[in-house]
Amino acid sequence: MAIQDQPQGPGGGMTVREAGKRGGERVKAKYGTEFYEAIGRKGGEATKEKYGPSFYEVIGQKGGQKLKRKPS
């Protein structure tokens, strides 16, 4: 089941994109940018633990390469 960008039904509301943006702004206001740095660091450590340091070499080489197919 796909998430739609447009609200359904009369009266509208907000789109999924608008809701995500508001949520992100709210988290930033509540916790600050340091929060995002900390969770990014934790995610990086978990990835390194799961896949090993060589994984970063592989994805680093892929960085900047043009996508062959547009994701849907």
N, C-alpha and C. Protein backbone atom coordinates (compact mmCIF):
# COMPACT_ATOMS: atom_id res chain seq x y z
N MET A 1 0.85 -1.18 0.00
CA MET A 1 0.00 0.00 0.00
C MET A 1 0.89 1.24 0.00
N ALA A 2 0.71 2.10 -0.96
CA ALA A 2 1.54 3.28 -1.11
C ALA A 2 0.96 4.46 -0.33
N ILE A 3 1.86 5.28 0.18
CA ILE A 3 1.45 6.50 0.86
C ILE A 3 1.21 7.56 -0.21
N GLN A 4 0.09 8.23 -0.11
CA GLN A 4 -0.25 9.24 -1.11
C GLN A 4 0.20 10.61 -0.65
N ASP A 5 0.58 11.45 -1.63
CA ASP A 5 1.00 12.81 -1.33
C ASP A 5 -0.19 13.76 -1.19
N GLN A 6 -1.33 13.38 -1.66
CA GLN A 6 -2.49 14.26 -1.63
C GLN A 6 -3.51 13.77 -0.61
N PRO A 7 -4.13 14.69 0.12
CA PRO A 7 -5.15 14.28 1.08
C PRO A 7 -6.38 13.76 0.35
N GLN A 8 -7.10 12.86 1.02
CA GLN A 8 -8.32 12.33 0.42
C GLN A 8 -9.53 12.92 1.12
N GLY A 9 -10.61 12.99 0.37
CA GLY A 9 -11.86 13.43 0.94
C GLY A 9 -11.98 14.94 1.00
N PRO A 10 -13.17 15.41 1.29
CA PRO A 10 -13.40 16.85 1.37
C PRO A 10 -12.74 17.43 2.62
N GLY A 11 -12.40 18.70 2.54
CA GLY A 11 -11.81 19.37 3.69
C GLY A 11 -10.31 19.36 3.68
N GLY A 12 -9.74 18.41 2.97
CA GLY A 12 -8.29 18.41 2.77
C GLY A 12 -7.51 18.05 3.99
N GLY A 13 -6.84 18.99 4.57
CA GLY A 13 -5.87 18.71 5.61
C GLY A 13 -4.50 19.05 5.06
N MET A 14 -3.56 18.19 5.33
CA MET A 14 -2.22 18.46 4.80
C MET A 14 -1.72 17.21 4.08
N THR A 15 -0.77 17.42 3.22
CA THR A 15 -0.19 16.31 2.49
C THR A 15 0.80 15.58 3.39
N VAL A 16 1.20 14.39 2.96
CA VAL A 16 2.18 13.61 3.70
C VAL A 16 3.48 14.39 3.79
N ARG A 17 3.85 15.05 2.71
CA ARG A 17 5.08 15.84 2.68
C ARG A 17 5.03 16.97 3.71
N GLU A 18 3.90 17.67 3.76
CA GLU A 18 3.75 18.77 4.72
C GLU A 18 3.81 18.25 6.16
N ALA A 19 3.17 17.11 6.41
CA ALA A 19 3.18 16.53 7.75
C ALA A 19 4.59 16.14 8.15
N GLY A 20 5.34 15.55 7.23
CA GLY A 20 6.73 15.18 7.52
C GLY A 20 7.59 16.38 7.81
N LYS A 21 7.39 17.43 7.04
CA LYS A 21 8.18 18.65 7.25
C LYS A 21 7.87 19.28 8.60
N ARG A 22 6.59 19.33 8.94
CA ARG A 22 6.21 19.89 10.25
C ARG A 22 6.77 19.06 11.39
N GLY A 23 6.71 17.74 11.23
CA GLY A 23 7.24 16.85 12.26
C GLY A 23 8.73 17.04 12.45
N GLY A 24 9.47 17.14 11.34
CA GLY A 24 10.91 17.34 11.41
C GLY A 24 11.27 18.67 12.05
N GLU A 25 10.52 19.70 11.72
CA GLU A 25 10.78 21.02 12.31
C GLU A 25 10.49 21.00 13.81
N ARG A 26 9.47 20.26 14.19
CA ARG A 26 9.11 20.17 15.60
C ARG A 26 10.19 19.45 16.41
N VAL A 27 10.70 18.34 15.85
CA VAL A 27 11.77 17.60 16.52
C VAL A 27 13.01 18.46 16.64
N LYS A 28 13.33 19.21 15.57
CA LYS A 28 14.50 20.08 15.60
C LYS A 28 14.34 21.15 16.68
N ALA A 29 13.14 21.72 16.78
CA ALA A 29 12.90 22.75 17.79
C ALA A 29 12.98 22.17 19.21
N LYS A 30 12.53 20.95 19.38
CA LYS A 30 12.50 20.34 20.71
C LYS A 30 13.87 19.85 21.15
N TYR A 31 14.61 19.17 20.25
CA TYR A 31 15.86 18.51 20.63
C TYR A 31 17.11 19.19 20.11
N GLY A 32 17.00 20.00 19.07
CA GLY A 32 18.16 20.69 18.51
C GLY A 32 18.91 19.84 17.50
N THR A 33 19.85 20.47 16.82
CA THR A 33 20.60 19.80 15.76
C THR A 33 21.53 18.72 16.31
N GLU A 34 21.94 18.86 17.58
CA GLU A 34 22.81 17.86 18.19
C GLU A 34 22.13 16.49 18.22
N PHE A 35 20.82 16.48 18.36
CA PHE A 35 20.05 15.23 18.36
C PHE A 35 20.26 14.48 17.05
N TYR A 36 20.18 15.21 15.93
CA TYR A 36 20.36 14.57 14.63
C TYR A 36 21.79 14.06 14.46
N GLU A 37 22.75 14.80 14.98
CA GLU A 37 24.15 14.35 14.93
C GLU A 37 24.32 13.05 15.71
N ALA A 38 23.71 12.99 16.88
CA ALA A 38 23.85 11.81 17.74
C ALA A 38 23.21 10.58 17.10
N ILE A 39 22.00 10.72 16.56
CA ILE A 39 21.35 9.55 15.98
C ILE A 39 22.05 9.14 14.68
N GLY A 40 22.61 10.08 13.97
CA GLY A 40 23.39 9.74 12.78
C GLY A 40 24.64 8.96 13.14
N ARG A 41 25.29 9.37 14.20
CA ARG A 41 26.49 8.67 14.67
C ARG A 41 26.15 7.26 15.11
N LYS A 42 25.04 7.11 15.86
CA LYS A 42 24.60 5.78 16.30
C LYS A 42 24.28 4.89 15.10
N GLY A 43 23.63 5.46 14.11
CA GLY A 43 23.31 4.70 12.90
C GLY A 43 24.55 4.26 12.16
N GLY A 44 25.53 5.15 12.09
CA GLY A 44 26.79 4.82 11.43
C GLY A 44 27.53 3.71 12.15
N GLU A 45 27.54 3.78 13.47
CA GLU A 45 28.20 2.73 14.26
C GLU A 45 27.49 1.39 14.09
N ALA A 46 26.16 1.40 14.07
CA ALA A 46 25.40 0.17 13.89
C ALA A 46 25.66 -0.43 12.51
N THR A 47 25.75 0.42 11.50
CA THR A 47 26.04 -0.05 10.15
C THR A 47 27.43 -0.64 10.07
N LYS A 48 28.39 0.02 10.71
CA LYS A 48 29.77 -0.48 10.71
C LYS A 48 29.85 -1.83 11.41
N GLU A 49 29.11 -1.97 12.50
CA GLU A 49 29.09 -3.22 13.24
C GLU A 49 28.44 -4.34 12.43
N LYS A 50 27.39 -4.01 11.71
CA LYS A 50 26.65 -5.02 10.95
C LYS A 50 27.39 -5.44 9.68
N TYR A 51 27.93 -4.47 8.93
CA TYR A 51 28.51 -4.75 7.61
C TYR A 51 30.02 -4.69 7.57
N GLY A 52 30.64 -4.10 8.57
CA GLY A 52 32.10 -3.97 8.59
C GLY A 52 32.56 -2.69 7.93
N PRO A 53 33.78 -2.26 8.23
CA PRO A 53 34.30 -0.99 7.70
C PRO A 53 34.44 -0.98 6.17
N SER A 54 34.66 -2.14 5.57
CA SER A 54 34.84 -2.18 4.11
C SER A 54 33.57 -1.79 3.36
N PHE A 55 32.43 -1.91 4.01
CA PHE A 55 31.16 -1.51 3.41
C PHE A 55 31.20 -0.04 3.01
N TYR A 56 31.83 0.80 3.83
CA TYR A 56 31.89 2.23 3.54
C TYR A 56 32.74 2.51 2.30
N GLU A 57 33.75 1.68 2.05
CA GLU A 57 34.55 1.83 0.84
C GLU A 57 33.68 1.60 -0.40
N VAL A 58 32.87 0.56 -0.34
CA VAL A 58 32.01 0.21 -1.48
C VAL A 58 30.99 1.32 -1.74
N ILE A 59 30.30 1.76 -0.70
CA ILE A 59 29.28 2.79 -0.93
C ILE A 59 29.92 4.14 -1.26
N GLY A 60 31.15 4.36 -0.79
CA GLY A 60 31.87 5.59 -1.13
C GLY A 60 32.21 5.64 -2.60
N GLN A 61 32.53 4.50 -3.19
CA GLN A 61 32.83 4.45 -4.62
C GLN A 61 31.58 4.68 -5.45
N LYS A 62 30.43 4.28 -4.91
CA LYS A 62 29.18 4.46 -5.63
C LYS A 62 28.69 5.91 -5.55
N GLY A 63 29.17 6.65 -4.58
CA GLY A 63 28.72 8.02 -4.38
C GLY A 63 28.94 8.88 -5.60
N GLY A 64 27.92 9.61 -5.98
CA GLY A 64 28.03 10.51 -7.12
C GLY A 64 27.75 9.85 -8.45
N GLN A 65 27.57 8.54 -8.46
CA GLN A 65 27.26 7.88 -9.71
C GLN A 65 25.80 8.16 -10.08
N LYS A 66 25.57 8.28 -11.37
CA LYS A 66 24.23 8.54 -11.87
C LYS A 66 23.36 7.29 -11.70
N LEU A 67 22.13 7.47 -11.25
CA LEU A 67 21.21 6.36 -11.12
C LEU A 67 20.84 5.84 -12.50
N LYS A 68 20.80 4.52 -12.63
CA LYS A 68 20.45 3.92 -13.91
C LYS A 68 18.95 3.95 -14.12
N ARG A 69 18.21 3.86 -13.02
CA ARG A 69 16.76 3.83 -13.10
C ARG A 69 16.19 4.71 -12.00
N LYS A 70 15.21 5.48 -12.34
CA LYS A 70 14.59 6.34 -11.35
C LYS A 70 13.78 5.49 -10.37
N PRO A 71 14.03 5.63 -9.04
CA PRO A 71 13.27 4.84 -8.07
C PRO A 71 11.80 5.24 -8.08
N SER A 72 10.95 4.26 -7.84
CA SER A 72 9.50 4.56 -7.85
C SER A 72 8.93 4.64 -6.48
